[in-house]
Amino acid sequence: LGPKGTGKSHIFSEFSPHGMLISGGEVT
């Protein structure tokens, strides 16, 4: 958790084909 713009989600969206990034409000 931290301020905007620190690249928190970058690694999980673009670094590896083994990771899946989803919006916290869209998961069931």
PDB file of all heavy atoms in Angstrom:
ATOM      1  N   LEU A   1       0.856  -1.180   0.000  1.00  0.00           N
ATOM      2  CA  LEU A   1       0.000   0.000   0.000  1.00  0.00           C
ATOM      3  C   LEU A   1       0.893   1.230   0.000  1.00  0.00           C
ATOM      4  O   LEU A   1       1.879   1.288   0.747  1.00  0.00           O
ATOM      5  CB  LEU A   1      -0.912   0.015   1.229  1.00  0.00           C
ATOM      6  CG  LEU A   1      -1.847  -1.193   1.392  1.00  0.00           C
ATOM      7  CD1 LEU A   1      -2.601  -1.110   2.709  1.00  0.00           C
ATOM      8  CD2 LEU A   1      -2.822  -1.288   0.229  1.00  0.00           C
ATOM      9  N   GLY A   2       0.557   2.202  -0.834  1.00  0.00           N
ATOM     10  CA  GLY A   2       1.373   3.406  -0.909  1.00  0.00           C
ATOM     11  C   GLY A   2       0.784   4.404  -1.879  1.00  0.00           C
ATOM     12  O   GLY A   2      -0.287   4.181  -2.457  1.00  0.00           O
ATOM     13  N   PRO A   3       1.483   5.526  -2.101  1.00  0.00           N
ATOM     14  CA  PRO A   3       0.973   6.559  -3.007  1.00  0.00           C
ATOM     15  C   PRO A   3       0.869   6.057  -4.442  1.00  0.00           C
ATOM     16  O   PRO A   3       1.441   5.024  -4.807  1.00  0.00           O
ATOM     17  CB  PRO A   3       2.033   7.678  -2.889  1.00  0.00           C
ATOM     18  CG  PRO A   3       2.796   7.375  -1.647  1.00  0.00           C
ATOM     19  CD  PRO A   3       2.757   5.896  -1.476  1.00  0.00           C
ATOM     20  N   LYS A   4       0.153   6.819  -5.258  1.00  0.00           N
ATOM     21  CA  LYS A   4       0.021   6.473  -6.672  1.00  0.00           C
ATOM     22  C   LYS A   4       1.357   6.672  -7.387  1.00  0.00           C
ATOM     23  O   LYS A   4       2.194   7.453  -6.974  1.00  0.00           O
ATOM     24  CB  LYS A   4      -1.036   7.359  -7.341  1.00  0.00           C
ATOM     25  CG  LYS A   4      -2.440   7.172  -6.806  1.00  0.00           C
ATOM     26  CD  LYS A   4      -3.405   8.123  -7.504  1.00  0.00           C
ATOM     27  CE  LYS A   4      -4.828   7.953  -6.973  1.00  0.00           C
ATOM     28  NZ  LYS A   4      -5.761   8.894  -7.608  1.00  0.00           N
ATOM     29  N   GLY A   5       1.519   5.933  -8.483  1.00  0.00           N
ATOM     30  CA  GLY A   5       2.645   6.181  -9.371  1.00  0.00           C
ATOM     31  C   GLY A   5       3.955   5.541  -8.987  1.00  0.00           C
ATOM     32  O   GLY A   5       5.003   5.910  -9.520  1.00  0.00           O
ATOM     33  N   THR A   6       3.943   4.560  -8.068  1.00  0.00           N
ATOM     34  CA  THR A   6       5.194   3.930  -7.646  1.00  0.00           C
ATOM     35  C   THR A   6       5.435   2.602  -8.347  1.00  0.00           C
ATOM     36  O   THR A   6       6.364   1.875  -7.996  1.00  0.00           O
ATOM     37  CB  THR A   6       5.199   3.713  -6.118  1.00  0.00           C
ATOM     38  OG1 THR A   6       4.052   2.931  -5.745  1.00  0.00           O
ATOM     39  CG2 THR A   6       5.155   5.040  -5.384  1.00  0.00           C
ATOM     40  N   GLY A   7       4.616   2.259  -9.330  1.00  0.00           N
ATOM     41  CA  GLY A   7       4.836   1.034 -10.106  1.00  0.00           C
ATOM     42  C   GLY A   7       4.456  -0.235  -9.385  1.00  0.00           C
ATOM     43  O   GLY A   7       5.014  -1.303  -9.643  1.00  0.00           O
ATOM     44  N   LYS A   8       3.463  -0.147  -8.490  1.00  0.00           N
ATOM     45  CA  LYS A   8       3.084  -1.319  -7.679  1.00  0.00           C
ATOM     46  C   LYS A   8       2.591  -2.485  -8.533  1.00  0.00           C
ATOM     47  O   LYS A   8       2.864  -3.646  -8.235  1.00  0.00           O
ATOM     48  CB  LYS A   8       1.997  -0.915  -6.669  1.00  0.00           C
ATOM     49  CG  LYS A   8       2.470   0.023  -5.577  1.00  0.00           C
ATOM     50  CD  LYS A   8       1.387   0.288  -4.553  1.00  0.00           C
ATOM     51  CE  LYS A   8       0.283   1.165  -5.080  1.00  0.00           C
ATOM     52  NZ  LYS A   8       0.706   2.548  -5.353  1.00  0.00           N
ATOM     53  N   SER A   9       1.847  -2.200  -9.587  1.00  0.00           N
ATOM     54  CA  SER A   9       1.223  -3.277 -10.359  1.00  0.00           C
ATOM     55  C   SER A   9       2.005  -3.650 -11.611  1.00  0.00           C
ATOM     56  O   SER A   9       1.679  -4.633 -12.273  1.00  0.00           O
ATOM     57  CB  SER A   9      -0.200  -2.869 -10.761  1.00  0.00           C
ATOM     58  OG  SER A   9      -0.164  -1.689 -11.555  1.00  0.00           O
ATOM     59  N   HIS A  10       3.065  -2.903 -11.943  1.00  0.00           N
ATOM     60  CA  HIS A  10       3.786  -3.111 -13.210  1.00  0.00           C
ATOM     61  C   HIS A  10       4.311  -4.537 -13.341  1.00  0.00           C
ATOM     62  O   HIS A  10       4.107  -5.199 -14.363  1.00  0.00           O
ATOM     63  CB  HIS A  10       4.943  -2.118 -13.313  1.00  0.00           C
ATOM     64  CG  HIS A  10       5.916  -2.438 -14.410  1.00  0.00           C
ATOM     65  ND1 HIS A  10       5.647  -2.193 -15.737  1.00  0.00           N
ATOM     66  CD2 HIS A  10       7.147  -3.014 -14.381  1.00  0.00           C
ATOM     67  CE1 HIS A  10       6.671  -2.600 -16.472  1.00  0.00           C
ATOM     68  NE2 HIS A  10       7.594  -3.095 -15.675  1.00  0.00           N
ATOM     69  N   ILE A  11       4.992  -5.017 -12.306  1.00  0.00           N
ATOM     70  CA  ILE A  11       5.615  -6.344 -12.382  1.00  0.00           C
ATOM     71  C   ILE A  11       4.567  -7.430 -12.595  1.00  0.00           C
ATOM     72  O   ILE A  11       4.785  -8.394 -13.335  1.00  0.00           O
ATOM     73  CB  ILE A  11       6.435  -6.617 -11.100  1.00  0.00           C
ATOM     74  CG1 ILE A  11       7.784  -5.896 -11.205  1.00  0.00           C
ATOM     75  CG2 ILE A  11       6.645  -8.104 -10.865  1.00  0.00           C
ATOM     76  CD1 ILE A  11       8.683  -6.078 -10.028  1.00  0.00           C
ATOM     77  N   PHE A  12       3.408  -7.259 -11.974  1.00  0.00           N
ATOM     78  CA  PHE A  12       2.395  -8.312 -12.041  1.00  0.00           C
ATOM     79  C   PHE A  12       1.602  -8.287 -13.341  1.00  0.00           C
ATOM     80  O   PHE A  12       0.934  -9.253 -13.692  1.00  0.00           O
ATOM     81  CB  PHE A  12       1.473  -8.203 -10.826  1.00  0.00           C
ATOM     82  CG  PHE A  12       2.246  -8.163  -9.536  1.00  0.00           C
ATOM     83  CD1 PHE A  12       2.344  -6.994  -8.801  1.00  0.00           C
ATOM     84  CD2 PHE A  12       2.916  -9.281  -9.085  1.00  0.00           C
ATOM     85  CE1 PHE A  12       3.079  -6.939  -7.636  1.00  0.00           C
ATOM     86  CE2 PHE A  12       3.656  -9.245  -7.915  1.00  0.00           C
ATOM     87  CZ  PHE A  12       3.741  -8.073  -7.186  1.00  0.00           C
ATOM     88  N   SER A  13       1.671  -7.185 -14.078  1.00  0.00           N
ATOM     89  CA  SER A  13       0.944  -7.108 -15.348  1.00  0.00           C
ATOM     90  C   SER A  13       1.840  -7.377 -16.541  1.00  0.00           C
ATOM     91  O   SER A  13       1.377  -7.878 -17.564  1.00  0.00           O
ATOM     92  CB  SER A  13       0.296  -5.731 -15.507  1.00  0.00           C
ATOM     93  OG  SER A  13       1.285  -4.716 -15.575  1.00  0.00           O
ATOM     94  N   GLU A  14       3.133  -7.045 -16.439  1.00  0.00           N
ATOM     95  CA  GLU A  14       3.983  -7.092 -17.622  1.00  0.00           C
ATOM     96  C   GLU A  14       5.246  -7.913 -17.462  1.00  0.00           C
ATOM     97  O   GLU A  14       5.938  -8.190 -18.437  1.00  0.00           O
ATOM     98  CB  GLU A  14       4.381  -5.657 -18.026  1.00  0.00           C
ATOM     99  CG  GLU A  14       3.199  -4.745 -18.285  1.00  0.00           C
ATOM    100  CD  GLU A  14       3.450  -3.810 -19.445  1.00  0.00           C
ATOM    101  OE1 GLU A  14       4.609  -3.641 -19.813  1.00  0.00           O
ATOM    102  OE2 GLU A  14       2.475  -3.262 -19.970  1.00  0.00           O
ATOM    103  N   PHE A  15       5.605  -8.311 -16.251  1.00  0.00           N
ATOM    104  CA  PHE A  15       6.906  -8.944 -16.055  1.00  0.00           C
ATOM    105  C   PHE A  15       6.925 -10.414 -16.430  1.00  0.00           C
ATOM    106  O   PHE A  15       7.930 -10.925 -16.922  1.00  0.00           O
ATOM    107  CB  PHE A  15       7.343  -8.787 -14.595  1.00  0.00           C
ATOM    108  CG  PHE A  15       8.687  -9.402 -14.303  1.00  0.00           C
ATOM    109  CD1 PHE A  15       9.843  -8.768 -14.696  1.00  0.00           C
ATOM    110  CD2 PHE A  15       8.782 -10.624 -13.659  1.00  0.00           C
ATOM    111  CE1 PHE A  15      11.088  -9.336 -14.453  1.00  0.00           C
ATOM    112  CE2 PHE A  15      10.012 -11.198 -13.402  1.00  0.00           C
ATOM    113  CZ  PHE A  15      11.170 -10.552 -13.797  1.00  0.00           C
ATOM    114  N   SER A  16       5.837 -11.116 -16.190  1.00  0.00           N
ATOM    115  CA  SER A  16       5.875 -12.563 -16.356  1.00  0.00           C
ATOM    116  C   SER A  16       4.589 -13.092 -16.978  1.00  0.00           C
ATOM    117  O   SER A  16       3.494 -12.649 -16.628  1.00  0.00           O
ATOM    118  CB  SER A  16       6.084 -13.240 -14.996  1.00  0.00           C
ATOM    119  OG  SER A  16       5.906 -14.638 -15.088  1.00  0.00           O
ATOM    120  N   PRO A  17       4.700 -14.081 -17.866  1.00  0.00           N
ATOM    121  CA  PRO A  17       3.495 -14.726 -18.395  1.00  0.00           C
ATOM    122  C   PRO A  17       2.839 -15.653 -17.389  1.00  0.00           C
ATOM    123  O   PRO A  17       1.790 -16.232 -17.676  1.00  0.00           O
ATOM    124  CB  PRO A  17       4.028 -15.516 -19.601  1.00  0.00           C
ATOM    125  CG  PRO A  17       5.465 -15.767 -19.293  1.00  0.00           C
ATOM    126  CD  PRO A  17       5.927 -14.577 -18.508  1.00  0.00           C
ATOM    127  N   HIS A  18       3.426 -15.791 -16.206  1.00  0.00           N
ATOM    128  CA  HIS A  18       2.852 -16.664 -15.180  1.00  0.00           C
ATOM    129  C   HIS A  18       2.044 -15.887 -14.139  1.00  0.00           C
ATOM    130  O   HIS A  18       1.575 -16.470 -13.163  1.00  0.00           O
ATOM    131  CB  HIS A  18       3.959 -17.456 -14.480  1.00  0.00           C
ATOM    132  CG  HIS A  18       4.800 -18.266 -15.416  1.00  0.00           C
ATOM    133  ND1 HIS A  18       4.261 -19.235 -16.230  1.00  0.00           N
ATOM    134  CD2 HIS A  18       6.125 -18.226 -15.701  1.00  0.00           C
ATOM    135  CE1 HIS A  18       5.231 -19.770 -16.959  1.00  0.00           C
ATOM    136  NE2 HIS A  18       6.360 -19.171 -16.671  1.00  0.00           N
ATOM    137  N   GLY A  19       1.924 -14.580 -14.332  1.00  0.00           N
ATOM    138  CA  GLY A  19       1.171 -13.756 -13.386  1.00  0.00           C
ATOM    139  C   GLY A  19      -0.086 -13.194 -14.010  1.00  0.00           C
ATOM    140  O   GLY A  19      -0.131 -12.903 -15.216  1.00  0.00           O
ATOM    141  N   MET A  20      -1.107 -13.014 -13.201  1.00  0.00           N
ATOM    142  CA  MET A  20      -2.393 -12.472 -13.666  1.00  0.00           C
ATOM    143  C   MET A  20      -2.751 -11.279 -12.773  1.00  0.00           C
ATOM    144  O   MET A  20      -2.811 -11.412 -11.547  1.00  0.00           O
ATOM    145  CB  MET A  20      -3.468 -13.544 -13.584  1.00  0.00           C
ATOM    146  CG  MET A  20      -4.902 -13.028 -13.709  1.00  0.00           C
ATOM    147  SD  MET A  20      -5.267 -12.255 -15.297  1.00  0.00           S
ATOM    148  CE  MET A  20      -5.235 -13.671 -16.375  1.00  0.00           C
ATOM    149  N   LEU A  21      -2.955 -10.122 -13.386  1.00  0.00           N
ATOM    150  CA  LEU A  21      -3.356  -8.918 -12.651  1.00  0.00           C
ATOM    151  C   LEU A  21      -4.824  -8.662 -12.919  1.00  0.00           C
ATOM    152  O   LEU A  21      -5.255  -8.549 -14.063  1.00  0.00           O
ATOM    153  CB  LEU A  21      -2.526  -7.712 -13.096  1.00  0.00           C
ATOM    154  CG  LEU A  21      -2.851  -6.388 -12.404  1.00  0.00           C
ATOM    155  CD1 LEU A  21      -2.385  -6.417 -10.951  1.00  0.00           C
ATOM    156  CD2 LEU A  21      -2.197  -5.214 -13.138  1.00  0.00           C
ATOM    157  N   ILE A  22      -5.602  -8.567 -11.836  1.00  0.00           N
ATOM    158  CA  ILE A  22      -7.032  -8.303 -11.977  1.00  0.00           C
ATOM    159  C   ILE A  22      -7.415  -7.150 -11.064  1.00  0.00           C
ATOM    160  O   ILE A  22      -6.747  -6.883 -10.062  1.00  0.00           O
ATOM    161  CB  ILE A  22      -7.881  -9.549 -11.626  1.00  0.00           C
ATOM    162  CG1 ILE A  22      -7.536 -10.051 -10.217  1.00  0.00           C
ATOM    163  CG2 ILE A  22      -7.686 -10.647 -12.644  1.00  0.00           C
ATOM    164  CD1 ILE A  22      -8.355 -11.241  -9.776  1.00  0.00           C
ATOM    165  N   SER A  23      -8.478  -6.473 -11.405  1.00  0.00           N
ATOM    166  CA  SER A  23      -8.984  -5.401 -10.561  1.00  0.00           C
ATOM    167  C   SER A  23      -9.609  -6.002  -9.318  1.00  0.00           C
ATOM    168  O   SER A  23     -10.348  -6.991  -9.395  1.00  0.00           O
ATOM    169  CB  SER A  23     -10.017  -4.569 -11.319  1.00  0.00           C
ATOM    170  OG  SER A  23     -10.633  -3.636 -10.454  1.00  0.00           O
ATOM    171  N   GLY A  24      -9.298  -5.404  -8.169  1.00  0.00           N
ATOM    172  CA  GLY A  24      -9.799  -5.933  -6.903  1.00  0.00           C
ATOM    173  C   GLY A  24     -11.301  -6.001  -6.823  1.00  0.00           C
ATOM    174  O   GLY A  24     -11.865  -6.847  -6.129  1.00  0.00           O
ATOM    175  N   GLY A  25     -11.992  -5.127  -7.554  1.00  0.00           N
ATOM    176  CA  GLY A  25     -13.448  -5.116  -7.476  1.00  0.00           C
ATOM    177  C   GLY A  25     -14.125  -6.041  -8.466  1.00  0.00           C
ATOM    178  O   GLY A  25     -15.347  -6.166  -8.458  1.00  0.00           O
ATOM    179  N   GLU A  26     -13.328  -6.690  -9.345  1.00  0.00           N
ATOM    180  CA  GLU A  26     -13.935  -7.492 -10.408  1.00  0.00           C
ATOM    181  C   GLU A  26     -13.879  -8.984 -10.143  1.00  0.00           C
ATOM    182  O   GLU A  26     -14.341  -9.773 -10.957  1.00  0.00           O
ATOM    183  CB  GLU A  26     -13.219  -7.197 -11.736  1.00  0.00           C
ATOM    184  CG  GLU A  26     -13.428  -5.772 -12.233  1.00  0.00           C
ATOM    185  CD  GLU A  26     -12.690  -5.520 -13.535  1.00  0.00           C
ATOM    186  OE1 GLU A  26     -11.992  -6.449 -14.002  1.00  0.00           O
ATOM    187  OE2 GLU A  26     -12.810  -4.416 -14.077  1.00  0.00           O
ATOM    188  N   VAL A  27     -13.310  -9.404  -9.034  1.00  0.00           N
ATOM    189  CA  VAL A  27     -13.115 -10.827  -8.800  1.00  0.00           C
ATOM    190  C   VAL A  27     -14.294 -11.411  -8.025  1.00  0.00           C
ATOM    191  O   VAL A  27     -14.900 -10.747  -7.185  1.00  0.00           O
ATOM    192  CB  VAL A  27     -11.793 -11.075  -8.039  1.00  0.00           C
ATOM    193  CG1 VAL A  27     -11.876 -10.550  -6.613  1.00  0.00           C
ATOM    194  CG2 VAL A  27     -11.436 -12.546  -8.049  1.00  0.00           C
ATOM    195  N   THR A  28     -14.620 -12.648  -8.342  1.00  0.00           N
ATOM    196  CA  THR A  28     -15.660 -13.379  -7.622  1.00  0.00           C
ATOM    197  C   THR A  28     -15.074 -14.710  -7.177  1.00  0.00           C
ATOM    198  O   THR A  28     -14.041 -15.158  -7.688  1.00  0.00           O
ATOM    199  CB  THR A  28     -16.874 -13.637  -8.526  1.00  0.00           C
ATOM    200  OG1 THR A  28     -16.465 -14.430  -9.646  1.00  0.00           O
ATOM    201  CG2 THR A  28     -17.474 -12.322  -9.021  1.00  0.00           C
TER     202      THR A  28
END
